[in-house]
Amino acid sequence: PWFWIVIFAVPPLLAGVVRARARRVRTVEGRSRVTTQPSALARLDDEM
């Protein structure tokens, strides 16, 4: 039975965590008022 509880409870919790993190990132970006784009090397490093 606990498997079904996990299936129905985990997705809303994950969605809430993602939304909270996105709001926190937007707040930090608004305060810094700095718009930065990842460099080409940064994108290559993340891909690897």
ModelCIF file with pLDDT and N, C-alpha, C, O atoms, coordinates in Angstrom:
data_MODEL
#
_entry.id   MODEL 
#
_entity.id                         1 
_entity.type                       polymer 
_entity.pdbx_number_of_molecules   1 
#
_entity_poly.entity_id                      1 
_entity_poly.type                           'polypeptide(L)' 
_entity_poly.nstd_linkage                   no 
_entity_poly.nstd_monomer                   no 
_entity_poly.pdbx_seq_one_letter_code       PWFWIVIFAVPPLLAGVVRARARRVRTVEGRSRVTTQPSALARLDDEM 
_entity_poly.pdbx_seq_one_letter_code_can   PWFWIVIFAVPPLLAGVVRARARRVRTVEGRSRVTTQPSALARLDDEM 
_entity_poly.pdbx_strand_id                 A 
#
loop_
_entity_poly_seq.entity_id 
_entity_poly_seq.num 
_entity_poly_seq.mon_id 
_entity_poly_seq.hetero 
1 1  PRO n 
1 2  TRP n 
1 3  PHE n 
1 4  TRP n 
1 5  ILE n 
1 6  VAL n 
1 7  ILE n 
1 8  PHE n 
1 9  ALA n 
1 10 VAL n 
1 11 PRO n 
1 12 PRO n 
1 13 LEU n 
1 14 LEU n 
1 15 ALA n 
1 16 GLY n 
1 17 VAL n 
1 18 VAL n 
1 19 ARG n 
1 20 ALA n 
1 21 ARG n 
1 22 ALA n 
1 23 ARG n 
1 24 ARG n 
1 25 VAL n 
1 26 ARG n 
1 27 THR n 
1 28 VAL n 
1 29 GLU n 
1 30 GLY n 
1 31 ARG n 
1 32 SER n 
1 33 ARG n 
1 34 VAL n 
1 35 THR n 
1 36 THR n 
1 37 GLN n 
1 38 PRO n 
1 39 SER n 
1 40 ALA n 
1 41 LEU n 
1 42 ALA n 
1 43 ARG n 
1 44 LEU n 
1 45 ASP n 
1 46 ASP n 
1 47 GLU n 
1 48 MET n 
#
_struct_asym.id          A 
_struct_asym.entity_id   1 
#
loop_
_ma_qa_metric.id 
_ma_qa_metric.mode 
_ma_qa_metric.name 
_ma_qa_metric.software_group_id 
_ma_qa_metric.type 
1 global pLDDT . pLDDT 
2 local  pLDDT . pLDDT 
#
_ma_qa_metric_global.metric_id      1 
_ma_qa_metric_global.metric_value   67.50 
_ma_qa_metric_global.model_id       1 
_ma_qa_metric_global.ordinal_id     1 
#
loop_
_ma_qa_metric_local.label_asym_id 
_ma_qa_metric_local.label_comp_id 
_ma_qa_metric_local.label_seq_id 
_ma_qa_metric_local.metric_id 
_ma_qa_metric_local.metric_value 
_ma_qa_metric_local.model_id 
_ma_qa_metric_local.ordinal_id 
A PRO 1  2 77.00 1 1  
A TRP 2  2 79.00 1 2  
A PHE 3  2 78.00 1 3  
A TRP 4  2 76.00 1 4  
A ILE 5  2 80.00 1 5  
A VAL 6  2 79.00 1 6  
A ILE 7  2 78.00 1 7  
A PHE 8  2 79.00 1 8  
A ALA 9  2 78.00 1 9  
A VAL 10 2 78.00 1 10 
A PRO 11 2 74.00 1 11 
A PRO 12 2 75.00 1 12 
A LEU 13 2 77.00 1 13 
A LEU 14 2 75.00 1 14 
A ALA 15 2 69.00 1 15 
A GLY 16 2 70.00 1 16 
A VAL 17 2 75.00 1 17 
A VAL 18 2 69.00 1 18 
A ARG 19 2 69.00 1 19 
A ALA 20 2 75.00 1 20 
A ARG 21 2 73.00 1 21 
A ALA 22 2 64.00 1 22 
A ARG 23 2 69.00 1 23 
A ARG 24 2 70.00 1 24 
A VAL 25 2 62.00 1 25 
A ARG 26 2 61.00 1 26 
A THR 27 2 62.00 1 27 
A VAL 28 2 57.00 1 28 
A GLU 29 2 54.00 1 29 
A GLY 30 2 54.00 1 30 
A ARG 31 2 53.00 1 31 
A SER 32 2 47.00 1 32 
A ARG 33 2 42.00 1 33 
A VAL 34 2 39.00 1 34 
A THR 35 2 39.00 1 35 
A THR 36 2 38.00 1 36 
A GLN 37 2 40.00 1 37 
A PRO 38 2 47.00 1 38 
A SER 39 2 67.00 1 39 
A ALA 40 2 73.00 1 40 
A LEU 41 2 73.00 1 41 
A ALA 42 2 77.00 1 42 
A ARG 43 2 79.00 1 43 
A LEU 44 2 77.00 1 44 
A ASP 45 2 76.00 1 45 
A ASP 46 2 79.00 1 46 
A GLU 47 2 80.00 1 47 
A MET 48 2 78.00 1 48 
#
loop_
_atom_site.group_PDB 
_atom_site.id 
_atom_site.type_symbol 
_atom_site.label_atom_id 
_atom_site.label_alt_id 
_atom_site.label_comp_id 
_atom_site.label_asym_id 
_atom_site.label_entity_id 
_atom_site.label_seq_id 
_atom_site.pdbx_PDB_ins_code 
_atom_site.Cartn_x 
_atom_site.Cartn_y 
_atom_site.Cartn_z 
_atom_site.occupancy 
_atom_site.B_iso_or_equiv 
_atom_site.pdbx_formal_charge 
_atom_site.auth_seq_id 
_atom_site.auth_comp_id 
_atom_site.auth_asym_id 
_atom_site.auth_atom_id 
_atom_site.pdbx_PDB_model_num 
ATOM 1   N N  . PRO A 1 1  ? 0.815  -1.233 0.000   1.00 77.00 ? 1  PRO A N  1 
ATOM 2   C CA . PRO A 1 1  ? 0.000  0.000  0.000   1.00 77.00 ? 1  PRO A CA 1 
ATOM 3   C C  . PRO A 1 1  ? 0.839  1.269  0.000   1.00 77.00 ? 1  PRO A C  1 
ATOM 4   O O  . PRO A 1 1  ? 0.439  2.271  -0.592  1.00 77.00 ? 1  PRO A O  1 
ATOM 5   N N  . TRP A 1 2  ? 2.016  1.242  0.665   1.00 79.00 ? 2  TRP A N  1 
ATOM 6   C CA . TRP A 1 2  ? 2.813  2.471  0.710   1.00 79.00 ? 2  TRP A CA 1 
ATOM 7   C C  . TRP A 1 2  ? 3.266  2.911  -0.674  1.00 79.00 ? 2  TRP A C  1 
ATOM 8   O O  . TRP A 1 2  ? 3.534  4.093  -0.891  1.00 79.00 ? 2  TRP A O  1 
ATOM 9   N N  . PHE A 1 3  ? 3.355  1.963  -1.624  1.00 78.00 ? 3  PHE A N  1 
ATOM 10  C CA . PHE A 1 3  ? 3.788  2.322  -2.973  1.00 78.00 ? 3  PHE A CA 1 
ATOM 11  C C  . PHE A 1 3  ? 2.785  3.286  -3.608  1.00 78.00 ? 3  PHE A C  1 
ATOM 12  O O  . PHE A 1 3  ? 3.179  4.251  -4.263  1.00 78.00 ? 3  PHE A O  1 
ATOM 13  N N  . TRP A 1 4  ? 1.485  3.025  -3.415  1.00 76.00 ? 4  TRP A N  1 
ATOM 14  C CA . TRP A 1 4  ? 0.475  3.908  -4.003  1.00 76.00 ? 4  TRP A CA 1 
ATOM 15  C C  . TRP A 1 4  ? 0.498  5.273  -3.338  1.00 76.00 ? 4  TRP A C  1 
ATOM 16  O O  . TRP A 1 4  ? 0.271  6.289  -3.996  1.00 76.00 ? 4  TRP A O  1 
ATOM 17  N N  . ILE A 1 5  ? 0.772  5.307  -2.028  1.00 80.00 ? 5  ILE A N  1 
ATOM 18  C CA . ILE A 1 5  ? 0.869  6.598  -1.341  1.00 80.00 ? 5  ILE A CA 1 
ATOM 19  C C  . ILE A 1 5  ? 2.018  7.413  -1.912  1.00 80.00 ? 5  ILE A C  1 
ATOM 20  O O  . ILE A 1 5  ? 1.889  8.620  -2.118  1.00 80.00 ? 5  ILE A O  1 
ATOM 21  N N  . VAL A 1 6  ? 3.145  6.750  -2.167  1.00 79.00 ? 6  VAL A N  1 
ATOM 22  C CA . VAL A 1 6  ? 4.295  7.445  -2.746  1.00 79.00 ? 6  VAL A CA 1 
ATOM 23  C C  . VAL A 1 6  ? 3.964  7.972  -4.139  1.00 79.00 ? 6  VAL A C  1 
ATOM 24  O O  . VAL A 1 6  ? 4.315  9.100  -4.484  1.00 79.00 ? 6  VAL A O  1 
ATOM 25  N N  . ILE A 1 7  ? 3.284  7.142  -4.940  1.00 78.00 ? 7  ILE A N  1 
ATOM 26  C CA . ILE A 1 7  ? 2.962  7.545  -6.316  1.00 78.00 ? 7  ILE A CA 1 
ATOM 27  C C  . ILE A 1 7  ? 2.115  8.806  -6.340  1.00 78.00 ? 7  ILE A C  1 
ATOM 28  O O  . ILE A 1 7  ? 2.342  9.687  -7.169  1.00 78.00 ? 7  ILE A O  1 
ATOM 29  N N  . PHE A 1 8  ? 1.133  8.906  -5.435  1.00 79.00 ? 8  PHE A N  1 
ATOM 30  C CA . PHE A 1 8  ? 0.228  10.056 -5.454  1.00 79.00 ? 8  PHE A CA 1 
ATOM 31  C C  . PHE A 1 8  ? 0.764  11.244 -4.662  1.00 79.00 ? 8  PHE A C  1 
ATOM 32  O O  . PHE A 1 8  ? 0.336  12.374 -4.897  1.00 79.00 ? 8  PHE A O  1 
ATOM 33  N N  . ALA A 1 9  ? 1.699  11.015 -3.719  1.00 78.00 ? 9  ALA A N  1 
ATOM 34  C CA . ALA A 1 9  ? 2.164  12.108 -2.875  1.00 78.00 ? 9  ALA A CA 1 
ATOM 35  C C  . ALA A 1 9  ? 3.441  12.761 -3.383  1.00 78.00 ? 9  ALA A C  1 
ATOM 36  O O  . ALA A 1 9  ? 3.624  13.966 -3.211  1.00 78.00 ? 9  ALA A O  1 
ATOM 37  N N  . VAL A 1 10 ? 4.333  11.986 -4.011  1.00 78.00 ? 10 VAL A N  1 
ATOM 38  C CA . VAL A 1 10 ? 5.629  12.522 -4.401  1.00 78.00 ? 10 VAL A CA 1 
ATOM 39  C C  . VAL A 1 10 ? 5.534  13.559 -5.528  1.00 78.00 ? 10 VAL A C  1 
ATOM 40  O O  . VAL A 1 10 ? 6.157  14.613 -5.406  1.00 78.00 ? 10 VAL A O  1 
ATOM 41  N N  . PRO A 1 11 ? 4.776  13.317 -6.638  1.00 74.00 ? 11 PRO A N  1 
ATOM 42  C CA . PRO A 1 11 ? 4.750  14.328 -7.707  1.00 74.00 ? 11 PRO A CA 1 
ATOM 43  C C  . PRO A 1 11 ? 4.337  15.717 -7.247  1.00 74.00 ? 11 PRO A C  1 
ATOM 44  O O  . PRO A 1 11 ? 4.992  16.681 -7.644  1.00 74.00 ? 11 PRO A O  1 
ATOM 45  N N  . PRO A 1 12 ? 3.269  15.892 -6.417  1.00 75.00 ? 12 PRO A N  1 
ATOM 46  C CA . PRO A 1 12 ? 2.969  17.260 -5.966  1.00 75.00 ? 12 PRO A CA 1 
ATOM 47  C C  . PRO A 1 12 ? 4.093  17.870 -5.136  1.00 75.00 ? 12 PRO A C  1 
ATOM 48  O O  . PRO A 1 12 ? 4.364  19.066 -5.242  1.00 75.00 ? 12 PRO A O  1 
ATOM 49  N N  . LEU A 1 13 ? 4.753  17.052 -4.306  1.00 77.00 ? 13 LEU A N  1 
ATOM 50  C CA . LEU A 1 13 ? 5.862  17.585 -3.505  1.00 77.00 ? 13 LEU A CA 1 
ATOM 51  C C  . LEU A 1 13 ? 7.012  18.034 -4.396  1.00 77.00 ? 13 LEU A C  1 
ATOM 52  O O  . LEU A 1 13 ? 7.593  19.098 -4.179  1.00 77.00 ? 13 LEU A O  1 
ATOM 53  N N  . LEU A 1 14 ? 7.341  17.223 -5.401  1.00 75.00 ? 14 LEU A N  1 
ATOM 54  C CA . LEU A 1 14 ? 8.414  17.609 -6.319  1.00 75.00 ? 14 LEU A CA 1 
ATOM 55  C C  . LEU A 1 14 ? 8.054  18.870 -7.092  1.00 75.00 ? 14 LEU A C  1 
ATOM 56  O O  . LEU A 1 14 ? 8.890  19.751 -7.292  1.00 75.00 ? 14 LEU A O  1 
ATOM 57  N N  . ALA A 1 15 ? 6.792  18.944 -7.525  1.00 69.00 ? 15 ALA A N  1 
ATOM 58  C CA . ALA A 1 15 ? 6.371  20.144 -8.258  1.00 69.00 ? 15 ALA A CA 1 
ATOM 59  C C  . ALA A 1 15 ? 6.474  21.383 -7.370  1.00 69.00 ? 15 ALA A C  1 
ATOM 60  O O  . ALA A 1 15 ? 6.871  22.451 -7.837  1.00 69.00 ? 15 ALA A O  1 
ATOM 61  N N  . GLY A 1 16 ? 6.114  21.243 -6.075  1.00 70.00 ? 16 GLY A N  1 
ATOM 62  C CA . GLY A 1 16 ? 6.232  22.380 -5.162  1.00 70.00 ? 16 GLY A CA 1 
ATOM 63  C C  . GLY A 1 16 ? 7.669  22.803 -4.950  1.00 70.00 ? 16 GLY A C  1 
ATOM 64  O O  . GLY A 1 16 ? 7.973  23.996 -4.915  1.00 70.00 ? 16 GLY A O  1 
ATOM 65  N N  . VAL A 1 17 ? 8.554  21.827 -4.807  1.00 75.00 ? 17 VAL A N  1 
ATOM 66  C CA . VAL A 1 17 ? 9.971  22.143 -4.638  1.00 75.00 ? 17 VAL A CA 1 
ATOM 67  C C  . VAL A 1 17 ? 10.519 22.861 -5.865  1.00 75.00 ? 17 VAL A C  1 
ATOM 68  O O  . VAL A 1 17 ? 11.260 23.835 -5.738  1.00 75.00 ? 17 VAL A O  1 
ATOM 69  N N  . VAL A 1 18 ? 10.151 22.375 -7.068  1.00 69.00 ? 18 VAL A N  1 
ATOM 70  C CA . VAL A 1 18 ? 10.635 23.010 -8.304  1.00 69.00 ? 18 VAL A CA 1 
ATOM 71  C C  . VAL A 1 18 ? 10.128 24.439 -8.407  1.00 69.00 ? 18 VAL A C  1 
ATOM 72  O O  . VAL A 1 18 ? 10.881 25.348 -8.757  1.00 69.00 ? 18 VAL A O  1 
ATOM 73  N N  . ARG A 1 19 ? 8.833  24.639 -8.097  1.00 69.00 ? 19 ARG A N  1 
ATOM 74  C CA . ARG A 1 19 ? 8.286  26.005 -8.175  1.00 69.00 ? 19 ARG A CA 1 
ATOM 75  C C  . ARG A 1 19 ? 8.955  26.931 -7.162  1.00 69.00 ? 19 ARG A C  1 
ATOM 76  O O  . ARG A 1 19 ? 9.258  28.083 -7.476  1.00 69.00 ? 19 ARG A O  1 
ATOM 77  N N  . ALA A 1 20 ? 9.186  26.430 -5.950  1.00 75.00 ? 20 ALA A N  1 
ATOM 78  C CA . ALA A 1 20 ? 9.843  27.268 -4.938  1.00 75.00 ? 20 ALA A CA 1 
ATOM 79  C C  . ALA A 1 20 ? 11.261 27.644 -5.359  1.00 75.00 ? 20 ALA A C  1 
ATOM 80  O O  . ALA A 1 20 ? 11.706 28.777 -5.171  1.00 75.00 ? 20 ALA A O  1 
ATOM 81  N N  . ARG A 1 21 ? 11.952 26.674 -5.929  1.00 73.00 ? 21 ARG A N  1 
ATOM 82  C CA . ARG A 1 21 ? 13.319 26.958 -6.380  1.00 73.00 ? 21 ARG A CA 1 
ATOM 83  C C  . ARG A 1 21 ? 13.319 27.961 -7.532  1.00 73.00 ? 21 ARG A C  1 
ATOM 84  O O  . ARG A 1 21 ? 14.172 28.846 -7.595  1.00 73.00 ? 21 ARG A O  1 
ATOM 85  N N  . ALA A 1 22 ? 12.355 27.814 -8.442  1.00 64.00 ? 22 ALA A N  1 
ATOM 86  C CA . ALA A 1 22 ? 12.280 28.760 -9.562  1.00 64.00 ? 22 ALA A CA 1 
ATOM 87  C C  . ALA A 1 22 ? 11.978 30.165 -9.064  1.00 64.00 ? 22 ALA A C  1 
ATOM 88  O O  . ALA A 1 22 ? 12.551 31.133 -9.565  1.00 64.00 ? 22 ALA A O  1 
ATOM 89  N N  . ARG A 1 23 ? 11.072 30.294 -8.068  1.00 69.00 ? 23 ARG A N  1 
ATOM 90  C CA . ARG A 1 23 ? 10.776 31.626 -7.529  1.00 69.00 ? 23 ARG A CA 1 
ATOM 91  C C  . ARG A 1 23 ? 12.001 32.229 -6.835  1.00 69.00 ? 23 ARG A C  1 
ATOM 92  O O  . ARG A 1 23 ? 12.249 33.430 -6.933  1.00 69.00 ? 23 ARG A O  1 
ATOM 93  N N  . ARG A 1 24 ? 12.764 31.384 -6.134  1.00 70.00 ? 24 ARG A N  1 
ATOM 94  C CA . ARG A 1 24 ? 13.954 31.893 -5.449  1.00 70.00 ? 24 ARG A CA 1 
ATOM 95  C C  . ARG A 1 24 ? 14.991 32.374 -6.455  1.00 70.00 ? 24 ARG A C  1 
ATOM 96  O O  . ARG A 1 24 ? 15.654 33.386 -6.227  1.00 70.00 ? 24 ARG A O  1 
ATOM 97  N N  . VAL A 1 25 ? 15.136 31.654 -7.566  1.00 62.00 ? 25 VAL A N  1 
ATOM 98  C CA . VAL A 1 25 ? 16.090 32.075 -8.594  1.00 62.00 ? 25 VAL A CA 1 
ATOM 99  C C  . VAL A 1 25 ? 15.656 33.379 -9.222  1.00 62.00 ? 25 VAL A C  1 
ATOM 100 O O  . VAL A 1 25 ? 16.477 34.264 -9.461  1.00 62.00 ? 25 VAL A O  1 
ATOM 101 N N  . ARG A 1 26 ? 14.347 33.502 -9.493  1.00 61.00 ? 26 ARG A N  1 
ATOM 102 C CA . ARG A 1 26 ? 13.849 34.751 -10.088 1.00 61.00 ? 26 ARG A CA 1 
ATOM 103 C C  . ARG A 1 26 ? 14.050 35.926 -9.138  1.00 61.00 ? 26 ARG A C  1 
ATOM 104 O O  . ARG A 1 26 ? 14.347 37.037 -9.577  1.00 61.00 ? 26 ARG A O  1 
ATOM 105 N N  . THR A 1 27 ? 13.887 35.683 -7.832  1.00 62.00 ? 27 THR A N  1 
ATOM 106 C CA . THR A 1 27 ? 14.070 36.764 -6.848  1.00 62.00 ? 27 THR A CA 1 
ATOM 107 C C  . THR A 1 27 ? 15.524 37.226 -6.808  1.00 62.00 ? 27 THR A C  1 
ATOM 108 O O  . THR A 1 27 ? 15.798 38.426 -6.780  1.00 62.00 ? 27 THR A O  1 
ATOM 109 N N  . VAL A 1 28 ? 16.443 36.284 -6.806  1.00 57.00 ? 28 VAL A N  1 
ATOM 110 C CA . VAL A 1 28 ? 17.870 36.629 -6.799  1.00 57.00 ? 28 VAL A CA 1 
ATOM 111 C C  . VAL A 1 28 ? 18.242 37.394 -8.052  1.00 57.00 ? 28 VAL A C  1 
ATOM 112 O O  . VAL A 1 28 ? 18.991 38.369 -7.995  1.00 57.00 ? 28 VAL A O  1 
ATOM 113 N N  . GLU A 1 29 ? 17.713 36.946 -9.195  1.00 54.00 ? 29 GLU A N  1 
ATOM 114 C CA . GLU A 1 29 ? 18.032 37.650 -10.437 1.00 54.00 ? 29 GLU A CA 1 
ATOM 115 C C  . GLU A 1 29 ? 17.456 39.048 -10.424 1.00 54.00 ? 29 GLU A C  1 
ATOM 116 O O  . GLU A 1 29 ? 18.080 39.973 -10.943 1.00 54.00 ? 29 GLU A O  1 
ATOM 117 N N  . GLY A 1 30 ? 16.249 39.230 -9.830  1.00 54.00 ? 30 GLY A N  1 
ATOM 118 C CA . GLY A 1 30 ? 15.653 40.568 -9.770  1.00 54.00 ? 30 GLY A CA 1 
ATOM 119 C C  . GLY A 1 30 ? 16.447 41.510 -8.883  1.00 54.00 ? 30 GLY A C  1 
ATOM 120 O O  . GLY A 1 30 ? 16.590 42.693 -9.191  1.00 54.00 ? 30 GLY A O  1 
ATOM 121 N N  . ARG A 1 31 ? 16.964 40.977 -7.774  1.00 53.00 ? 31 ARG A N  1 
ATOM 122 C CA . ARG A 1 31 ? 17.734 41.831 -6.878  1.00 53.00 ? 31 ARG A CA 1 
ATOM 123 C C  . ARG A 1 31 ? 19.067 42.222 -7.485  1.00 53.00 ? 31 ARG A C  1 
ATOM 124 O O  . ARG A 1 31 ? 19.501 43.365 -7.344  1.00 53.00 ? 31 ARG A O  1 
ATOM 125 N N  . SER A 1 32 ? 19.721 41.289 -8.158  1.00 47.00 ? 32 SER A N  1 
ATOM 126 C CA . SER A 1 32 ? 21.036 41.593 -8.729  1.00 47.00 ? 32 SER A CA 1 
ATOM 127 C C  . SER A 1 32 ? 20.937 42.460 -9.960  1.00 47.00 ? 32 SER A C  1 
ATOM 128 O O  . SER A 1 32 ? 21.869 43.193 -10.290 1.00 47.00 ? 32 SER A O  1 
ATOM 129 N N  . ARG A 1 33 ? 19.792 42.378 -10.649 1.00 42.00 ? 33 ARG A N  1 
ATOM 130 C CA . ARG A 1 33 ? 19.566 43.143 -11.878 1.00 42.00 ? 33 ARG A CA 1 
ATOM 131 C C  . ARG A 1 33 ? 20.706 42.941 -12.864 1.00 42.00 ? 33 ARG A C  1 
ATOM 132 O O  . ARG A 1 33 ? 21.052 43.843 -13.628 1.00 42.00 ? 33 ARG A O  1 
ATOM 133 N N  . VAL A 1 34 ? 21.276 41.764 -12.837 1.00 39.00 ? 34 VAL A N  1 
ATOM 134 C CA . VAL A 1 34 ? 22.356 41.460 -13.761 1.00 39.00 ? 34 VAL A CA 1 
ATOM 135 C C  . VAL A 1 34 ? 21.905 40.299 -14.620 1.00 39.00 ? 34 VAL A C  1 
ATOM 136 O O  . VAL A 1 34 ? 21.508 39.261 -14.090 1.00 39.00 ? 34 VAL A O  1 
ATOM 137 N N  . THR A 1 35 ? 21.953 40.443 -15.888 1.00 39.00 ? 35 THR A N  1 
ATOM 138 C CA . THR A 1 35 ? 21.576 39.389 -16.806 1.00 39.00 ? 35 THR A CA 1 
ATOM 139 C C  . THR A 1 35 ? 22.837 38.799 -17.404 1.00 39.00 ? 35 THR A C  1 
ATOM 140 O O  . THR A 1 35 ? 23.570 39.453 -18.145 1.00 39.00 ? 35 THR A O  1 
ATOM 141 N N  . THR A 1 36 ? 23.065 37.537 -17.056 1.00 38.00 ? 36 THR A N  1 
ATOM 142 C CA . THR A 1 36 ? 24.275 36.891 -17.539 1.00 38.00 ? 36 THR A CA 1 
ATOM 143 C C  . THR A 1 36 ? 23.879 35.695 -18.384 1.00 38.00 ? 36 THR A C  1 
ATOM 144 O O  . THR A 1 36 ? 22.905 35.004 -18.088 1.00 38.00 ? 36 THR A O  1 
ATOM 145 N N  . GLN A 1 37 ? 24.624 35.464 -19.410 1.00 40.00 ? 37 GLN A N  1 
ATOM 146 C CA . GLN A 1 37 ? 24.435 34.320 -20.287 1.00 40.00 ? 37 GLN A CA 1 
ATOM 147 C C  . GLN A 1 37 ? 25.626 33.386 -20.119 1.00 40.00 ? 37 GLN A C  1 
ATOM 148 O O  . GLN A 1 37 ? 26.772 33.836 -20.126 1.00 40.00 ? 37 GLN A O  1 
ATOM 149 N N  . PRO A 1 38 ? 25.366 32.084 -19.968 1.00 47.00 ? 38 PRO A N  1 
ATOM 150 C CA . PRO A 1 38 ? 26.506 31.166 -19.828 1.00 47.00 ? 38 PRO A CA 1 
ATOM 151 C C  . PRO A 1 38 ? 27.379 31.221 -21.065 1.00 47.00 ? 38 PRO A C  1 
ATOM 152 O O  . PRO A 1 38 ? 26.896 31.271 -22.195 1.00 47.00 ? 38 PRO A O  1 
ATOM 153 N N  . SER A 1 39 ? 28.681 31.210 -20.817 1.00 67.00 ? 39 SER A N  1 
ATOM 154 C CA . SER A 1 39 ? 29.623 31.267 -21.923 1.00 67.00 ? 39 SER A CA 1 
ATOM 155 C C  . SER A 1 39 ? 29.624 29.947 -22.669 1.00 67.00 ? 39 SER A C  1 
ATOM 156 O O  . SER A 1 39 ? 29.020 28.969 -22.226 1.00 67.00 ? 39 SER A O  1 
ATOM 157 N N  . ALA A 1 40 ? 30.306 29.927 -23.804 1.00 73.00 ? 40 ALA A N  1 
ATOM 158 C CA . ALA A 1 40 ? 30.391 28.703 -24.599 1.00 73.00 ? 40 ALA A CA 1 
ATOM 159 C C  . ALA A 1 40 ? 31.128 27.612 -23.829 1.00 73.00 ? 40 ALA A C  1 
ATOM 160 O O  . ALA A 1 40 ? 30.763 26.439 -23.903 1.00 73.00 ? 40 ALA A O  1 
ATOM 161 N N  . LEU A 1 41 ? 32.183 28.007 -23.077 1.00 73.00 ? 41 LEU A N  1 
ATOM 162 C CA . LEU A 1 41 ? 32.919 27.017 -22.311 1.00 73.00 ? 41 LEU A CA 1 
ATOM 163 C C  . LEU A 1 41 ? 32.065 26.426 -21.186 1.00 73.00 ? 41 LEU A C  1 
ATOM 164 O O  . LEU A 1 41 ? 32.167 25.239 -20.875 1.00 73.00 ? 41 LEU A O  1 
ATOM 165 N N  . ALA A 1 42 ? 31.232 27.261 -20.589 1.00 77.00 ? 42 ALA A N  1 
ATOM 166 C CA . ALA A 1 42 ? 30.362 26.761 -19.524 1.00 77.00 ? 42 ALA A CA 1 
ATOM 167 C C  . ALA A 1 42 ? 29.364 25.735 -20.060 1.00 77.00 ? 42 ALA A C  1 
ATOM 168 O O  . ALA A 1 42 ? 29.102 24.716 -19.421 1.00 77.00 ? 42 ALA A O  1 
ATOM 169 N N  . ARG A 1 43 ? 28.812 26.018 -21.240 1.00 79.00 ? 43 ARG A N  1 
ATOM 170 C CA . ARG A 1 43 ? 27.867 25.069 -21.831 1.00 79.00 ? 43 ARG A CA 1 
ATOM 171 C C  . ARG A 1 43 ? 28.556 23.752 -22.164 1.00 79.00 ? 43 ARG A C  1 
ATOM 172 O O  . ARG A 1 43 ? 27.995 22.677 -21.951 1.00 79.00 ? 43 ARG A O  1 
ATOM 173 N N  . LEU A 1 44 ? 29.793 23.846 -22.695 1.00 77.00 ? 44 LEU A N  1 
ATOM 174 C CA . LEU A 1 44 ? 30.529 22.624 -22.999 1.00 77.00 ? 44 LEU A CA 1 
ATOM 175 C C  . LEU A 1 44 ? 30.838 21.833 -21.729 1.00 77.00 ? 44 LEU A C  1 
ATOM 176 O O  . LEU A 1 44 ? 30.751 20.605 -21.712 1.00 77.00 ? 44 LEU A O  1 
ATOM 177 N N  . ASP A 1 45 ? 31.200 22.552 -20.669 1.00 76.00 ? 45 ASP A N  1 
ATOM 178 C CA . ASP A 1 45 ? 31.522 21.880 -19.411 1.00 76.00 ? 45 ASP A CA 1 
ATOM 179 C C  . ASP A 1 45 ? 30.281 21.174 -18.837 1.00 76.00 ? 45 ASP A C  1 
ATOM 180 O O  . ASP A 1 45 ? 30.385 20.049 -18.349 1.00 76.00 ? 45 ASP A O  1 
ATOM 181 N N  . ASP A 1 46 ? 29.130 21.817 -18.891 1.00 79.00 ? 46 ASP A N  1 
ATOM 182 C CA . ASP A 1 46 ? 27.898 21.202 -18.378 1.00 79.00 ? 46 ASP A CA 1 
ATOM 183 C C  . ASP A 1 46 ? 27.509 19.984 -19.216 1.00 79.00 ? 46 ASP A C  1 
ATOM 184 O O  . ASP A 1 46 ? 27.075 18.965 -18.680 1.00 79.00 ? 46 ASP A O  1 
ATOM 185 N N  . GLU A 1 47 ? 27.668 20.098 -20.526 1.00 80.00 ? 47 GLU A N  1 
ATOM 186 C CA . GLU A 1 47 ? 27.310 18.972 -21.396 1.00 80.00 ? 47 GLU A CA 1 
ATOM 187 C C  . GLU A 1 47 ? 28.192 17.756 -21.115 1.00 80.00 ? 47 GLU A C  1 
ATOM 188 O O  . GLU A 1 47 ? 27.706 16.626 -21.065 1.00 80.00 ? 47 GLU A O  1 
ATOM 189 N N  . MET A 1 48 ? 29.475 17.994 -20.935 1.00 78.00 ? 48 MET A N  1 
ATOM 190 C CA . MET A 1 48 ? 30.377 16.880 -20.675 1.00 78.00 ? 48 MET A CA 1 
ATOM 191 C C  . MET A 1 48 ? 30.132 16.289 -19.291 1.00 78.00 ? 48 MET A C  1 
ATOM 192 O O  . MET A 1 48 ? 30.805 15.336 -18.899 1.00 78.00 ? 48 MET A O  1 
#
